[in-house]
Amino acid sequence: MPRPDETSPPSEPSPPSDRTVGRRRAVFEEDSARHDQEARLARRPTLRAHVIAAVACVGWMALGLFLMLWSAHTTDAGYGRIAFYAGLIVGNGGILYTLIAAYIFGERRGDW
């Protein structure tokens, strides 16, 4: 005689009860809230680093612009030329240095 589990078709799983669904939903909402909190805390150092890099870029731009404006103000052509090119180098080079450093630190931190 065949065993009952061999001849009978597999039964459909019973639908979960309301209590089970309620517990699962509560656990899901708790995990979701914890994940949101952790994600917010993990993004904080990255945001801080981006703000610092942006302020540094503005600082380099201001210093380069100051040197270029001073080159227009000075009466000596030699000093003016030196200040103008120094403004170009400081402004563009400082921004480039800041962005490269921010990228390297972001890689070490694991941002990307």
Protein backbone atom coordinates (compact mmCIF):
# COMPACT_ATOMS: atom_id res chain seq x y z
CA MET A 1 0.00 0.00 0.00
CA PRO A 2 1.46 3.42 -0.96
CA ARG A 3 2.14 5.93 1.71
CA PRO A 4 -0.23 8.92 1.75
CA ASP A 5 2.52 11.48 1.03
CA GLU A 6 3.51 9.70 -2.21
CA THR A 7 0.08 9.66 -3.82
CA SER A 8 -1.37 12.92 -2.63
CA PRO A 9 -0.45 16.10 -4.48
CA PRO A 10 1.64 18.59 -2.54
CA SER A 11 -0.59 20.78 -0.47
CA GLU A 12 -0.53 24.55 -0.80
CA PRO A 13 0.99 26.36 2.16
CA SER A 14 -1.59 27.90 4.36
CA PRO A 15 -1.81 31.69 4.25
CA PRO A 16 -0.14 33.40 7.19
CA SER A 17 -2.37 34.49 9.99
CA ASP A 18 -2.98 38.13 10.80
CA ARG A 19 -0.79 37.84 13.89
CA THR A 20 2.13 36.55 11.82
CA VAL A 21 1.73 39.28 9.22
CA GLY A 22 1.53 41.90 11.96
CA ARG A 23 4.74 40.64 13.55
CA ARG A 24 6.53 40.52 10.21
CA ARG A 25 5.39 44.04 9.38
CA ALA A 26 6.57 45.32 12.77
CA VAL A 27 9.97 43.67 12.31
CA PHE A 28 10.21 45.05 8.78
CA GLU A 29 9.34 48.59 9.93
CA GLU A 30 11.84 48.35 12.78
CA ASP A 31 14.59 47.14 10.43
CA SER A 32 13.70 49.86 7.94
CA ALA A 33 13.89 52.58 10.60
CA ARG A 34 17.23 51.22 11.86
CA HIS A 35 18.59 51.09 8.30
CA ASP A 36 17.51 54.69 7.64
CA GLN A 37 19.24 55.83 10.83
CA GLU A 38 22.44 53.96 9.95
CA ALA A 39 22.43 55.32 6.41
CA ARG A 40 22.01 58.86 7.72
CA LEU A 41 24.92 58.39 10.13
CA ALA A 42 27.07 56.87 7.39
CA ARG A 43 26.45 59.79 5.02
CA ARG A 44 27.41 62.42 7.59
CA PRO A 45 31.24 62.13 7.20
CA THR A 46 30.89 62.14 3.41
CA LEU A 47 28.74 65.27 3.47
CA ARG A 48 31.18 66.94 5.85
CA ALA A 49 34.12 66.12 3.56
CA HIS A 50 32.27 67.48 0.52
CA VAL A 51 31.46 70.74 2.31
CA ILE A 52 35.07 71.13 3.44
CA ALA A 53 36.29 70.49 -0.11
CA ALA A 54 33.81 73.03 -1.52
CA VAL A 55 34.90 75.69 0.98
CA ALA A 56 38.56 74.97 0.17
CA CYS A 57 37.84 75.34 -3.56
CA VAL A 58 36.18 78.70 -2.94
CA GLY A 59 39.19 79.73 -0.84
CA TRP A 60 41.64 78.80 -3.61
CA MET A 61 39.51 80.65 -6.13
CA ALA A 62 39.43 83.74 -3.92
CA LEU A 63 43.20 83.67 -3.41
CA GLY A 64 43.83 83.28 -7.15
CA LEU A 65 41.40 86.07 -7.93
CA PHE A 66 43.06 88.31 -5.35
CA LEU A 67 46.47 87.76 -6.97
CA MET A 68 45.08 88.44 -10.44
CA LEU A 69 43.38 91.64 -9.27
CA TRP A 70 46.54 92.72 -7.48
CA SER A 71 48.45 92.22 -10.74
CA ALA A 72 46.14 94.77 -12.36
CA HIS A 73 46.61 97.16 -9.44
CA THR A 74 50.41 97.12 -9.20
CA THR A 75 52.44 99.65 -11.15
CA ASP A 76 55.43 97.40 -11.85
CA ALA A 77 54.92 95.31 -15.00
CA GLY A 78 57.23 92.54 -13.77
CA TYR A 79 55.42 92.13 -10.47
CA GLY A 80 52.11 92.39 -12.28
CA ARG A 81 53.00 89.57 -14.65
CA ILE A 82 54.28 87.42 -11.77
CA ALA A 83 51.15 88.06 -9.72
CA PHE A 84 48.86 87.36 -12.68
CA TYR A 85 50.41 83.99 -13.48
CA ALA A 86 50.68 83.17 -9.79
CA GLY A 87 46.96 83.85 -9.51
CA LEU A 88 46.25 81.49 -12.39
CA ILE A 89 48.46 78.78 -10.93
CA VAL A 90 47.26 79.17 -7.35
CA GLY A 91 43.58 79.40 -8.27
CA ASN A 92 43.45 76.49 -10.70
CA GLY A 93 46.15 74.37 -9.06
CA GLY A 94 44.64 74.73 -5.60
CA ILE A 95 41.21 73.68 -6.81
CA LEU A 96 42.68 70.73 -8.68
CA TYR A 97 44.73 69.67 -5.65
CA THR A 98 41.68 69.93 -3.38
CA LEU A 99 39.49 67.84 -5.68
CA ILE A 100 42.14 65.14 -6.11
CA ALA A 101 42.73 65.00 -2.35
CA ALA A 102 38.98 64.80 -1.68
CA TYR A 103 38.70 61.92 -4.16
CA ILE A 104 41.60 60.02 -2.58
CA PHE A 105 40.25 60.50 0.94
CA GLY A 106 36.81 59.43 -0.27
CA GLU A 107 38.29 56.23 -1.68
CA ARG A 108 40.05 55.49 1.62
CA ARG A 109 36.83 56.18 3.52
CA GLY A 110 34.92 53.85 1.18
CA ASP A 111 32.60 56.42 -0.38
CA TRP A 112 33.15 55.03 -3.87
